């Protein structure tokens, strides 16, 4: 969100949808969420980046960003908690905050045994969303219209 003005962002999102592409819109703060709502964007995934890319934050972020912002998301959103997931405890915190999935990179790449790191993250468990309903039991956004 922070890299685009409103009109180009809305046009890019619409163009992706028109071409049958799934969309991921990334937010980092309350203002980004407000823009998603105000612009009427309905991405397939809404990512909360736990790092602040505007200041070049790397591994200093915290899953607390997901915990703080998740309650403000519109109903029916499929939530991806991105970055600053250091292990199973952070994955669990993201899940408990409402994340449907996590994006992990550094923790796996730097792990002595990447396979074991993946197994530990996966063992946290995630509720199935394949039913077409979100974590509150509401229908996911219908992108067919």
Protein backbone atom coordinates (compact mmCIF):
# COMPACT_ATOMS: atom_id res chain seq x y z
CA UNK A 1 0.00 0.00 0.00
CA UNK A 2 2.70 2.48 0.96
CA UNK A 3 4.36 2.35 -2.46
CA UNK A 4 1.31 3.45 -4.48
CA UNK A 5 -1.02 6.43 -4.56
CA UNK A 6 -4.71 5.59 -4.46
CA UNK A 7 -5.56 5.79 -8.17
CA UNK A 8 -2.64 3.69 -9.48
CA UNK A 9 -3.22 1.14 -6.73
CA UNK A 10 -6.92 0.80 -7.56
CA UNK A 11 -6.13 0.54 -11.30
CA UNK A 12 -3.44 -2.09 -10.75
CA UNK A 13 -5.71 -4.15 -8.50
CA UNK A 14 -8.58 -3.94 -11.01
CA UNK A 15 -6.28 -4.87 -13.91
CA UNK A 16 -5.03 -7.93 -12.04
CA UNK A 17 -8.58 -9.05 -11.24
CA UNK A 18 -9.70 -8.50 -14.87
CA UNK A 19 -6.92 -10.81 -16.01
CA UNK A 20 -7.92 -13.53 -13.58
CA UNK A 21 -4.95 -13.01 -11.27
CA UNK A 22 -5.25 -13.47 -7.55
CA UNK A 23 -4.19 -10.46 -5.56
CA UNK A 24 -2.25 -9.90 -2.38
CA UNK A 25 -2.42 -6.47 -0.81
CA UNK A 26 0.08 -5.76 1.93
CA UNK A 27 -0.52 -3.44 4.87
CA UNK A 28 1.60 -2.37 7.82
CA UNK A 29 -0.55 0.05 9.78
CA UNK A 30 -4.09 1.34 10.44
CA UNK A 31 -3.82 3.89 7.63
CA UNK A 32 -3.10 1.14 5.09
CA UNK A 33 -6.15 -0.82 6.26
CA UNK A 34 -8.32 2.29 5.99
CA UNK A 35 -7.12 2.80 2.40
CA UNK A 36 -7.98 -0.81 1.47
CA UNK A 37 -11.51 -0.25 2.76
CA UNK A 38 -11.92 3.25 1.28
CA UNK A 39 -10.72 2.10 -2.16
CA UNK A 40 -13.04 -0.90 -2.07
CA UNK A 41 -10.19 -3.32 -2.68
CA UNK A 42 -11.08 -6.95 -2.10
CA UNK A 43 -7.80 -8.85 -2.39
CA UNK A 44 -7.65 -12.62 -2.33
CA UNK A 45 -5.09 -12.30 0.46
CA UNK A 46 -4.45 -9.39 2.75
CA UNK A 47 -0.93 -9.49 4.13
CA UNK A 48 0.14 -7.78 7.31
CA UNK A 49 3.85 -7.15 7.02
CA UNK A 50 5.33 -7.29 10.50
CA UNK A 51 8.32 -5.36 9.20
CA UNK A 52 8.25 -1.70 8.27
CA UNK A 53 9.63 -1.64 4.74
CA UNK A 54 9.55 2.15 4.65
CA UNK A 55 12.40 2.32 7.15
CA UNK A 56 14.20 -0.74 5.81
CA UNK A 57 13.45 -2.84 8.87
CA UNK A 58 14.85 -6.34 8.44
CA UNK A 59 14.66 -8.79 11.33
CA UNK A 60 13.70 -6.34 14.05
CA UNK A 61 9.95 -6.63 13.47
CA UNK A 62 7.55 -8.46 15.72
CA UNK A 63 4.37 -10.45 15.24
CA UNK A 64 2.77 -7.83 17.47
CA UNK A 65 1.92 -5.87 14.31
CA UNK A 66 -0.37 -8.72 13.22
CA UNK A 67 -1.79 -8.96 16.72
CA UNK A 68 -2.54 -5.23 16.75
CA UNK A 69 -3.98 -4.91 13.23
CA UNK A 70 -5.90 -8.18 12.71
CA UNK A 71 -8.98 -7.09 14.71
CA UNK A 72 -9.37 -4.03 12.45
CA UNK A 73 -9.60 -6.05 9.23
CA UNK A 74 -12.88 -6.25 7.32
CA UNK A 75 -14.86 -9.48 7.72
CA UNK A 76 -14.14 -12.22 5.21
CA UNK A 77 -10.50 -11.33 4.65
CA UNK A 78 -7.98 -14.14 4.23
CA UNK A 79 -5.08 -12.96 6.40
CA UNK A 80 -1.40 -13.65 5.76
CA UNK A 81 1.03 -12.66 8.55
CA UNK A 82 4.29 -11.77 6.81
CA UNK A 83 7.84 -11.74 8.10
CA UNK A 84 9.34 -11.61 11.59
CA UNK A 85 8.17 -15.17 12.23
CA UNK A 86 11.17 -16.60 14.05
CA UNK A 87 9.71 -19.95 15.01
CA UNK A 88 6.70 -21.89 16.26
CA UNK A 89 5.92 -19.44 19.08
CA UNK A 90 5.63 -16.53 16.64
CA UNK A 91 3.58 -18.67 14.24
CA UNK A 92 1.26 -19.57 17.11
CA UNK A 93 0.88 -15.90 18.07
CA UNK A 94 0.03 -15.01 14.47
CA UNK A 95 -2.52 -17.82 14.26
CA UNK A 96 -4.11 -16.84 17.57
CA UNK A 97 -4.33 -13.23 16.34
CA UNK A 98 -6.35 -14.46 13.36
CA UNK A 99 -3.82 -15.18 10.63
CA UNK A 100 -4.90 -17.87 8.18
CA UNK A 101 -1.32 -18.37 6.99
CA UNK A 102 2.21 -17.11 7.54
CA UNK A 103 5.06 -16.11 5.25
CA UNK A 104 8.42 -17.22 6.62
CA UNK A 105 11.82 -16.84 5.01
CA UNK A 106 14.78 -15.89 7.17
CA UNK A 107 13.97 -18.28 10.03
CA UNK A 108 13.96 -21.25 7.65
CA UNK A 109 17.00 -20.16 5.66
CA UNK A 110 19.09 -19.58 8.78
CA UNK A 111 17.95 -22.71 10.64
CA UNK A 112 20.59 -25.42 11.18
CA UNK A 113 17.99 -27.91 9.87
CA UNK A 114 15.53 -26.11 7.54
CA UNK A 115 13.36 -29.23 7.24
CA UNK A 116 12.94 -29.39 11.00
CA UNK A 117 12.17 -25.67 11.14
CA UNK A 118 9.39 -26.17 8.57
CA UNK A 119 8.00 -29.15 10.49
CA UNK A 120 7.93 -27.11 13.72
CA UNK A 121 6.11 -24.25 11.99
CA UNK A 122 3.61 -26.60 10.36
CA UNK A 123 2.97 -28.39 13.67
CA UNK A 124 1.42 -25.19 15.01
CA UNK A 125 -1.61 -26.14 12.93
CA UNK A 126 -3.91 -23.95 10.91
CA UNK A 127 -7.69 -24.06 10.61
CA UNK A 128 -8.86 -25.19 7.20
CA UNK A 129 -10.20 -22.38 5.04
CA UNK A 130 -10.97 -24.66 2.10
CA UNK A 131 -14.65 -24.52 3.09
CA UNK A 132 -14.95 -21.02 1.62
CA UNK A 133 -15.51 -19.52 5.06
CA UNK A 134 -13.17 -17.39 7.11
CA UNK A 135 -12.10 -17.96 10.72
CA UNK A 136 -15.35 -16.35 11.99
CA UNK A 137 -17.47 -18.63 9.79
CA UNK A 138 -18.40 -15.90 7.32
CA UNK A 139 -18.34 -16.41 3.56
CA UNK A 140 -15.06 -15.39 1.94
CA UNK A 141 -15.23 -12.53 -0.54
CA UNK A 142 -16.91 -13.49 -3.78
CA UNK A 143 -14.62 -12.36 -6.59
CA UNK A 144 -16.90 -13.64 -9.32
CA UNK A 145 -19.02 -10.51 -9.47
